[in-house]
Amino acid sequence: MLIRKNVFVLAVVVALGLALPGFATAQNYPSSVGQLVATTKKQVKTIDMAALKAAIDRGEAGLIVDVREPGEYADGHLNGAINVPRGMIEFNIWTHIGYPDKTDMGKKLTLYCRTGGRCALAAKSLQDLGLTNVTAVDMKIDDWAKAGYPLVK
């Protein structure tokens, strides 16, 4: 019975892989991507989950920006966070920092994502555009939820 169940599960996984190309390997990417993220994290200011929680509790996190995709944001995000997906951040952050009338290039921005990679890359892009007070949170959003911290849907 157990063998039959395992064969069935394997068959489903293979079928999904064939029916939805890329689905089974969605998180499978070359090591160069991980190296890019690691290098980028050294080039931007990062904080961990505990520091983020403390900054939020003190009211010192600034504008909290969730750089995940809109569907991920809708599934649960930090209270008060705005959603500016990484793929559009260079174009869509400006209204949040006062452009064009009162652009604040030093506005405090705290970016987070699902695992800390996208927010680091987004922070680097914003830094390259001249923003001077950008922080990436190096955490997993699942760990935030597991710690019992609130997520808003």
N, C-alpha and C. Protein backbone atom coordinates (compact mmCIF):
# COMPACT_ATOMS: atom_id res chain seq x y z
N MET A 1 0.82 -1.20 0.00
CA MET A 1 0.00 0.00 0.00
C MET A 1 0.87 1.26 0.00
N LEU A 2 1.91 1.29 0.85
CA LEU A 2 2.79 2.44 0.94
C LEU A 2 3.53 2.65 -0.39
N ILE A 3 3.98 1.57 -0.99
CA ILE A 3 4.69 1.67 -2.27
C ILE A 3 3.76 2.23 -3.34
N ARG A 4 2.51 1.73 -3.36
CA ARG A 4 1.55 2.21 -4.34
C ARG A 4 1.28 3.71 -4.15
N LYS A 5 1.19 4.16 -2.89
CA LYS A 5 0.96 5.57 -2.60
C LYS A 5 2.16 6.41 -3.06
N ASN A 6 3.38 5.92 -2.81
CA ASN A 6 4.57 6.66 -3.22
C ASN A 6 4.67 6.74 -4.74
N VAL A 7 4.32 5.67 -5.44
CA VAL A 7 4.32 5.68 -6.90
C VAL A 7 3.30 6.68 -7.42
N PHE A 8 2.13 6.74 -6.78
CA PHE A 8 1.10 7.70 -7.17
C PHE A 8 1.60 9.13 -6.99
N VAL A 9 2.21 9.42 -5.86
CA VAL A 9 2.73 10.76 -5.59
C VAL A 9 3.79 11.13 -6.62
N LEU A 10 4.69 10.20 -6.92
CA LEU A 10 5.72 10.44 -7.92
C LEU A 10 5.09 10.72 -9.28
N ALA A 11 4.07 9.96 -9.63
CA ALA A 11 3.39 10.16 -10.91
C ALA A 11 2.76 11.55 -10.99
N VAL A 12 2.16 12.00 -9.90
CA VAL A 12 1.55 13.33 -9.87
C VAL A 12 2.60 14.41 -10.04
N VAL A 13 3.72 14.26 -9.34
CA VAL A 13 4.80 15.24 -9.44
C VAL A 13 5.33 15.30 -10.87
N VAL A 14 5.55 14.15 -11.48
CA VAL A 14 6.04 14.11 -12.86
C VAL A 14 5.01 14.73 -13.80
N ALA A 15 3.74 14.41 -13.60
CA ALA A 15 2.69 14.96 -14.45
C ALA A 15 2.62 16.48 -14.33
N LEU A 16 2.74 17.00 -13.12
CA LEU A 16 2.75 18.44 -12.94
C LEU A 16 3.94 19.07 -13.65
N GLY A 17 5.06 18.42 -13.56
CA GLY A 17 6.26 18.93 -14.22
C GLY A 17 6.10 18.98 -15.72
N LEU A 18 5.39 18.01 -16.29
CA LEU A 18 5.17 17.99 -17.74
C LEU A 18 4.05 18.94 -18.14
N ALA A 19 3.01 19.01 -17.32
CA ALA A 19 1.86 19.84 -17.66
C ALA A 19 2.14 21.32 -17.43
N LEU A 20 2.95 21.63 -16.45
CA LEU A 20 3.25 23.02 -16.12
C LEU A 20 4.75 23.24 -16.19
N PRO A 21 5.28 23.42 -17.38
CA PRO A 21 6.73 23.59 -17.50
C PRO A 21 7.24 24.70 -16.59
N GLY A 22 8.30 24.41 -15.90
CA GLY A 22 8.87 25.38 -14.98
C GLY A 22 8.32 25.28 -13.58
N PHE A 23 7.16 24.68 -13.40
CA PHE A 23 6.54 24.59 -12.08
C PHE A 23 7.41 23.82 -11.10
N ALA A 24 7.85 22.65 -11.49
CA ALA A 24 8.63 21.81 -10.59
C ALA A 24 10.02 22.40 -10.34
N THR A 25 10.49 23.24 -11.25
CA THR A 25 11.83 23.80 -11.08
C THR A 25 11.78 25.31 -10.85
N ALA A 26 10.65 25.82 -10.36
CA ALA A 26 10.50 27.26 -10.19
C ALA A 26 11.58 27.86 -9.31
N GLN A 27 12.07 27.14 -8.33
CA GLN A 27 13.09 27.65 -7.44
C GLN A 27 14.48 27.16 -7.83
N ASN A 28 14.59 26.53 -8.94
CA ASN A 28 15.86 25.98 -9.39
C ASN A 28 16.52 26.98 -10.33
N TYR A 29 17.65 27.53 -9.89
CA TYR A 29 18.36 28.49 -10.72
C TYR A 29 19.86 28.32 -10.51
N PRO A 30 20.66 28.85 -11.41
CA PRO A 30 22.11 28.68 -11.31
C PRO A 30 22.67 29.32 -10.03
N SER A 31 23.79 28.80 -9.59
CA SER A 31 24.43 29.33 -8.39
C SER A 31 24.84 30.79 -8.57
N SER A 32 24.99 31.24 -9.80
CA SER A 32 25.36 32.64 -10.04
C SER A 32 24.30 33.60 -9.50
N VAL A 33 23.04 33.16 -9.47
CA VAL A 33 21.97 34.01 -8.93
C VAL A 33 22.17 34.19 -7.43
N GLY A 34 22.43 33.10 -6.74
CA GLY A 34 22.71 33.17 -5.30
C GLY A 34 23.94 34.01 -5.01
N GLN A 35 24.94 33.90 -5.87
CA GLN A 35 26.16 34.70 -5.71
C GLN A 35 25.87 36.19 -5.90
N LEU A 36 25.02 36.51 -6.88
CA LEU A 36 24.64 37.90 -7.11
C LEU A 36 23.93 38.47 -5.89
N VAL A 37 23.00 37.71 -5.35
CA VAL A 37 22.26 38.16 -4.17
C VAL A 37 23.21 38.35 -2.99
N ALA A 38 24.10 37.39 -2.77
CA ALA A 38 25.06 37.49 -1.66
C ALA A 38 25.96 38.72 -1.82
N THR A 39 26.43 38.96 -3.02
CA THR A 39 27.27 40.14 -3.28
C THR A 39 26.48 41.41 -3.05
N THR A 40 25.25 41.43 -3.52
CA THR A 40 24.40 42.61 -3.38
C THR A 40 24.12 42.91 -1.91
N LYS A 41 23.89 41.87 -1.11
CA LYS A 41 23.63 42.09 0.31
C LYS A 41 24.81 42.75 1.01
N LYS A 42 25.99 42.59 0.48
CA LYS A 42 27.18 43.25 1.05
C LYS A 42 27.25 44.72 0.64
N GLN A 43 26.49 45.09 -0.39
CA GLN A 43 26.55 46.45 -0.93
C GLN A 43 25.42 47.35 -0.44
N VAL A 44 24.47 46.76 0.29
CA VAL A 44 23.33 47.53 0.80
C VAL A 44 23.23 47.31 2.31
N LYS A 45 22.53 48.21 2.97
CA LYS A 45 22.28 48.04 4.39
C LYS A 45 21.21 46.96 4.56
N THR A 46 21.48 46.00 5.43
CA THR A 46 20.50 44.95 5.72
C THR A 46 20.27 44.89 7.22
N ILE A 47 19.07 44.45 7.58
CA ILE A 47 18.73 44.15 8.96
C ILE A 47 18.05 42.79 8.99
N ASP A 48 18.01 42.18 10.17
CA ASP A 48 17.34 40.89 10.29
C ASP A 48 15.91 41.09 10.82
N MET A 49 15.21 40.00 11.01
CA MET A 49 13.82 40.05 11.42
C MET A 49 13.66 40.73 12.79
N ALA A 50 14.53 40.43 13.72
CA ALA A 50 14.43 41.03 15.06
C ALA A 50 14.60 42.55 14.99
N ALA A 51 15.53 43.00 14.19
CA ALA A 51 15.75 44.44 14.05
C ALA A 51 14.55 45.11 13.36
N LEU A 52 13.95 44.42 12.39
CA LEU A 52 12.75 44.95 11.75
C LEU A 52 11.63 45.08 12.76
N LYS A 53 11.39 44.03 13.51
CA LYS A 53 10.31 44.06 14.51
C LYS A 53 10.53 45.19 15.51
N ALA A 54 11.76 45.36 15.98
CA ALA A 54 12.08 46.42 16.92
C ALA A 54 11.86 47.80 16.28
N ALA A 55 12.26 47.97 15.02
CA ALA A 55 12.07 49.25 14.33
C ALA A 55 10.59 49.56 14.16
N ILE A 56 9.80 48.56 13.83
CA ILE A 56 8.35 48.75 13.70
C ILE A 56 7.77 49.14 15.05
N ASP A 57 8.14 48.42 16.10
CA ASP A 57 7.61 48.71 17.44
C ASP A 57 7.96 50.12 17.90
N ARG A 58 9.13 50.62 17.51
CA ARG A 58 9.56 51.97 17.88
C ARG A 58 9.04 53.03 16.91
N GLY A 59 8.38 52.60 15.82
CA GLY A 59 7.91 53.53 14.82
C GLY A 59 9.04 54.12 13.98
N GLU A 60 10.11 53.35 13.82
CA GLU A 60 11.30 53.85 13.13
C GLU A 60 11.62 53.08 11.84
N ALA A 61 10.66 52.35 11.30
CA ALA A 61 10.93 51.57 10.09
C ALA A 61 10.78 52.41 8.83
N GLY A 62 10.22 53.61 8.95
CA GLY A 62 9.99 54.43 7.77
C GLY A 62 8.88 53.83 6.92
N LEU A 63 8.98 54.04 5.63
CA LEU A 63 8.02 53.46 4.70
C LEU A 63 8.41 52.01 4.45
N ILE A 64 7.52 51.10 4.80
CA ILE A 64 7.78 49.66 4.62
C ILE A 64 7.27 49.27 3.24
N VAL A 65 8.17 48.71 2.44
CA VAL A 65 7.84 48.37 1.05
C VAL A 65 7.99 46.87 0.84
N ASP A 66 6.89 46.23 0.47
CA ASP A 66 6.87 44.81 0.12
C ASP A 66 7.14 44.74 -1.37
N VAL A 67 8.26 44.15 -1.77
CA VAL A 67 8.63 44.12 -3.18
C VAL A 67 8.19 42.84 -3.89
N ARG A 68 7.36 42.04 -3.22
CA ARG A 68 6.84 40.82 -3.85
C ARG A 68 5.77 41.19 -4.88
N GLU A 69 5.33 40.20 -5.60
CA GLU A 69 4.27 40.39 -6.60
C GLU A 69 2.93 40.64 -5.90
N PRO A 70 1.98 41.30 -6.57
CA PRO A 70 0.70 41.63 -5.94
C PRO A 70 -0.04 40.44 -5.32
N GLY A 71 0.00 39.28 -5.95
CA GLY A 71 -0.66 38.11 -5.39
C GLY A 71 -0.04 37.66 -4.08
N GLU A 72 1.29 37.74 -4.00
CA GLU A 72 1.99 37.39 -2.76
C GLU A 72 1.63 38.39 -1.67
N TYR A 73 1.59 39.66 -2.01
CA TYR A 73 1.22 40.72 -1.08
C TYR A 73 -0.19 40.47 -0.54
N ALA A 74 -1.12 40.14 -1.43
CA ALA A 74 -2.51 39.89 -1.04
C ALA A 74 -2.64 38.69 -0.10
N ASP A 75 -1.73 37.73 -0.23
CA ASP A 75 -1.77 36.54 0.63
C ASP A 75 -1.38 36.86 2.07
N GLY A 76 -0.76 37.98 2.31
CA GLY A 76 -0.38 38.39 3.65
C GLY A 76 0.87 39.24 3.64
N HIS A 77 0.76 40.44 4.21
CA HIS A 77 1.88 41.38 4.23
C HIS A 77 1.98 42.05 5.60
N LEU A 78 3.08 42.70 5.85
CA LEU A 78 3.28 43.41 7.10
C LEU A 78 2.31 44.59 7.18
N ASN A 79 1.82 44.82 8.38
CA ASN A 79 0.89 45.92 8.61
C ASN A 79 1.53 47.25 8.20
N GLY A 80 0.83 48.00 7.39
CA GLY A 80 1.31 49.30 6.95
C GLY A 80 2.20 49.27 5.73
N ALA A 81 2.55 48.08 5.26
CA ALA A 81 3.43 47.97 4.09
C ALA A 81 2.67 48.33 2.82
N ILE A 82 3.39 48.98 1.91
CA ILE A 82 2.86 49.22 0.58
C ILE A 82 3.48 48.18 -0.36
N ASN A 83 2.82 47.93 -1.48
CA ASN A 83 3.32 46.96 -2.43
C ASN A 83 3.87 47.67 -3.66
N VAL A 84 5.17 47.54 -3.87
CA VAL A 84 5.82 48.03 -5.08
C VAL A 84 6.70 46.88 -5.56
N PRO A 85 6.20 46.06 -6.49
CA PRO A 85 6.96 44.89 -6.94
C PRO A 85 8.35 45.25 -7.44
N ARG A 86 9.29 44.37 -7.17
CA ARG A 86 10.68 44.60 -7.55
C ARG A 86 10.82 44.96 -9.02
N GLY A 87 10.07 44.30 -9.87
CA GLY A 87 10.18 44.54 -11.30
C GLY A 87 9.79 45.93 -11.75
N MET A 88 9.10 46.68 -10.88
CA MET A 88 8.66 48.03 -11.24
C MET A 88 9.16 49.09 -10.27
N ILE A 89 9.98 48.70 -9.31
CA ILE A 89 10.33 49.63 -8.23
C ILE A 89 11.04 50.89 -8.71
N GLU A 90 11.90 50.76 -9.71
CA GLU A 90 12.62 51.93 -10.21
C GLU A 90 11.66 52.96 -10.81
N PHE A 91 10.51 52.52 -11.28
CA PHE A 91 9.54 53.40 -11.91
C PHE A 91 8.45 53.86 -10.94
N ASN A 92 8.07 53.01 -10.00
CA ASN A 92 6.89 53.29 -9.16
C ASN A 92 7.18 53.80 -7.76
N ILE A 93 8.43 53.90 -7.35
CA ILE A 93 8.73 54.36 -6.00
C ILE A 93 8.59 55.88 -5.86
N TRP A 94 8.68 56.59 -6.95
CA TRP A 94 8.80 58.05 -6.93
C TRP A 94 7.65 58.76 -6.25
N THR A 95 6.42 58.35 -6.50
CA THR A 95 5.29 59.04 -5.86
C THR A 95 5.35 58.86 -4.34
N HIS A 96 5.97 57.79 -3.88
CA HIS A 96 6.05 57.51 -2.45
C HIS A 96 7.16 58.31 -1.76
N ILE A 97 8.02 58.93 -2.56
CA ILE A 97 9.08 59.77 -1.97
C ILE A 97 8.93 61.23 -2.38
N GLY A 98 7.72 61.59 -2.85
CA GLY A 98 7.39 62.98 -3.08
C GLY A 98 7.67 63.57 -4.44
N TYR A 99 8.05 62.76 -5.40
CA TYR A 99 8.34 63.26 -6.74
C TYR A 99 7.05 63.76 -7.38
N PRO A 100 7.05 64.84 -8.10
CA PRO A 100 8.18 65.65 -8.52
C PRO A 100 8.41 66.89 -7.64
N ASP A 101 7.43 67.26 -6.83
CA ASP A 101 7.51 68.53 -6.11
C ASP A 101 8.47 68.53 -4.92
N LYS A 102 8.40 67.50 -4.11
CA LYS A 102 9.22 67.47 -2.89
C LYS A 102 9.90 66.12 -2.75
N THR A 103 10.72 65.79 -3.71
CA THR A 103 11.40 64.50 -3.72
C THR A 103 12.36 64.41 -2.54
N ASP A 104 12.18 63.36 -1.73
CA ASP A 104 13.01 63.14 -0.55
C ASP A 104 13.90 61.93 -0.81
N MET A 105 15.09 62.17 -1.33
CA MET A 105 16.02 61.08 -1.66
C MET A 105 16.57 60.41 -0.40
N GLY A 106 16.35 61.02 0.76
CA GLY A 106 16.80 60.45 2.02
C GLY A 106 15.67 59.82 2.83
N LYS A 107 14.49 59.69 2.24
CA LYS A 107 13.36 59.09 2.96
C LYS A 107 13.72 57.67 3.37
N LYS A 108 13.39 57.32 4.59
CA LYS A 108 13.69 55.98 5.09
C LYS A 108 12.75 54.97 4.45
N LEU A 109 13.33 54.00 3.75
CA LEU A 109 12.59 52.92 3.11
C LEU A 109 13.11 51.60 3.65
N THR A 110 12.21 50.74 4.09
CA THR A 110 12.57 49.40 4.55
C THR A 110 11.89 48.41 3.63
N LEU A 111 12.69 47.65 2.88
CA LEU A 111 12.17 46.72 1.88
C LEU A 111 12.25 45.29 2.39
N TYR A 112 11.21 44.52 2.09
CA TYR A 112 11.23 43.09 2.40
C TYR A 112 10.57 42.32 1.28
N CYS A 113 10.83 41.00 1.27
CA CYS A 113 10.23 40.10 0.29
C CYS A 113 10.01 38.75 0.95
N ARG A 114 9.96 37.69 0.19
CA ARG A 114 9.70 36.36 0.75
C ARG A 114 10.91 35.78 1.46
N THR A 115 12.11 35.97 0.90
CA THR A 115 13.29 35.34 1.50
C THR A 115 14.48 36.28 1.67
N GLY A 116 14.38 37.52 1.24
CA GLY A 116 15.48 38.47 1.40
C GLY A 116 16.29 38.73 0.15
N GLY A 117 16.06 37.98 -0.92
CA GLY A 117 16.81 38.18 -2.14
C GLY A 117 16.31 39.33 -2.99
N ARG A 118 15.03 39.32 -3.30
CA ARG A 118 14.48 40.38 -4.15
C ARG A 118 14.61 41.75 -3.50
N CYS A 119 14.42 41.81 -2.18
CA CYS A 119 14.50 43.13 -1.53
C CYS A 119 15.94 43.65 -1.55
N ALA A 120 16.93 42.77 -1.45
CA ALA A 120 18.32 43.22 -1.55
C ALA A 120 18.60 43.78 -2.94
N LEU A 121 18.15 43.08 -3.97
CA LEU A 121 18.35 43.55 -5.34
C LEU A 121 17.61 44.87 -5.59
N ALA A 122 16.40 44.97 -5.04
CA ALA A 122 15.63 46.21 -5.19
C ALA A 122 16.30 47.35 -4.44
N ALA A 123 16.81 47.08 -3.24
CA ALA A 123 17.50 48.11 -2.47
C ALA A 123 18.72 48.63 -3.23
N LYS A 124 19.44 47.74 -3.87
CA LYS A 124 20.61 48.13 -4.66
C LYS A 124 20.19 49.02 -5.82
N SER A 125 19.12 48.68 -6.48
CA SER A 125 18.63 49.50 -7.60
C SER A 125 18.27 50.91 -7.11
N LEU A 126 17.57 50.99 -5.99
CA LEU A 126 17.20 52.30 -5.46
C LEU A 126 18.42 53.09 -5.02
N GLN A 127 19.36 52.40 -4.43
CA GLN A 127 20.62 53.03 -4.03
C GLN A 127 21.35 53.57 -5.26
N ASP A 128 21.36 52.79 -6.33
CA ASP A 128 22.01 53.22 -7.57
C ASP A 128 21.32 54.43 -8.18
N LEU A 129 20.02 54.61 -7.89
CA LEU A 129 19.27 55.76 -8.38
C LEU A 129 19.48 56.99 -7.51
N GLY A 130 20.21 56.84 -6.41
CA GLY A 130 20.53 57.98 -5.56
C GLY A 130 19.78 58.05 -4.25
N LEU A 131 18.89 57.11 -3.97
CA LEU A 131 18.22 57.10 -2.68
C LEU A 131 19.24 56.71 -1.62
N THR A 132 19.24 57.39 -0.49
CA THR A 132 20.33 57.24 0.47
C THR A 132 19.96 56.56 1.78
N ASN A 133 18.69 56.22 1.98
CA ASN A 133 18.28 55.64 3.27
C ASN A 133 17.41 54.40 3.04
N VAL A 134 17.97 53.44 2.33
CA VAL A 134 17.24 52.22 1.96
C VAL A 134 17.84 51.04 2.71
N THR A 135 16.96 50.23 3.30
CA THR A 135 17.38 49.04 4.04
C THR A 135 16.63 47.83 3.51
N ALA A 136 17.35 46.73 3.34
CA ALA A 136 16.73 45.45 2.94
C ALA A 136 16.65 44.56 4.17
N VAL A 137 15.52 43.89 4.33
CA VAL A 137 15.34 42.99 5.46
C VAL A 137 15.72 41.58 5.02
N ASP A 138 16.72 41.02 5.68
CA ASP A 138 17.20 39.68 5.36
C ASP A 138 16.47 38.69 6.26
N MET A 139 15.28 38.29 5.81
CA MET A 139 14.45 37.36 6.58
C MET A 139 13.54 36.60 5.62
N LYS A 140 12.93 35.56 6.15
CA LYS A 140 11.91 34.82 5.43
C LYS A 140 10.56 35.23 6.00
N ILE A 141 9.63 35.59 5.12
CA ILE A 141 8.31 36.02 5.57
C ILE A 141 7.62 34.90 6.35
N ASP A 142 7.90 33.64 6.01
CA ASP A 142 7.33 32.52 6.75
C ASP A 142 7.82 32.51 8.20
N ASP A 143 9.07 32.91 8.43
CA ASP A 143 9.59 32.99 9.80
C ASP A 143 8.89 34.09 10.59
N TRP A 144 8.54 35.17 9.93
CA TRP A 144 7.79 36.26 10.56
C TRP A 144 6.45 35.71 11.07
N ALA A 145 5.77 34.98 10.21
CA ALA A 145 4.47 34.41 10.59
C ALA A 145 4.63 33.36 11.70
N LYS A 146 5.66 32.51 11.58
CA LYS A 146 5.90 31.49 12.59
C LYS A 146 6.20 32.10 13.97
N ALA A 147 6.80 33.28 13.97
CA ALA A 147 7.11 33.96 15.23
C ALA A 147 5.85 34.57 15.87
N GLY A 148 4.74 34.50 15.14
CA GLY A 148 3.49 35.03 15.66
C GLY A 148 3.28 36.50 15.39
N TYR A 149 4.14 37.08 14.54
CA TYR A 149 3.98 38.49 14.18
C TYR A 149 2.86 38.62 13.16
N PRO A 150 2.15 39.74 13.20
CA PRO A 150 0.96 39.85 12.35
C PRO A 150 1.25 40.03 10.86
N LEU A 151 0.39 39.43 10.07
CA LEU A 151 0.33 39.66 8.63
C LEU A 151 -1.08 40.10 8.32
N VAL A 152 -1.21 41.05 7.43
CA VAL A 152 -2.50 41.59 7.04
C VAL A 152 -2.87 41.03 5.68
N LYS A 153 -4.12 40.65 5.52
CA LYS A 153 -4.61 40.17 4.22
C LYS A 153 -5.62 41.13 3.66
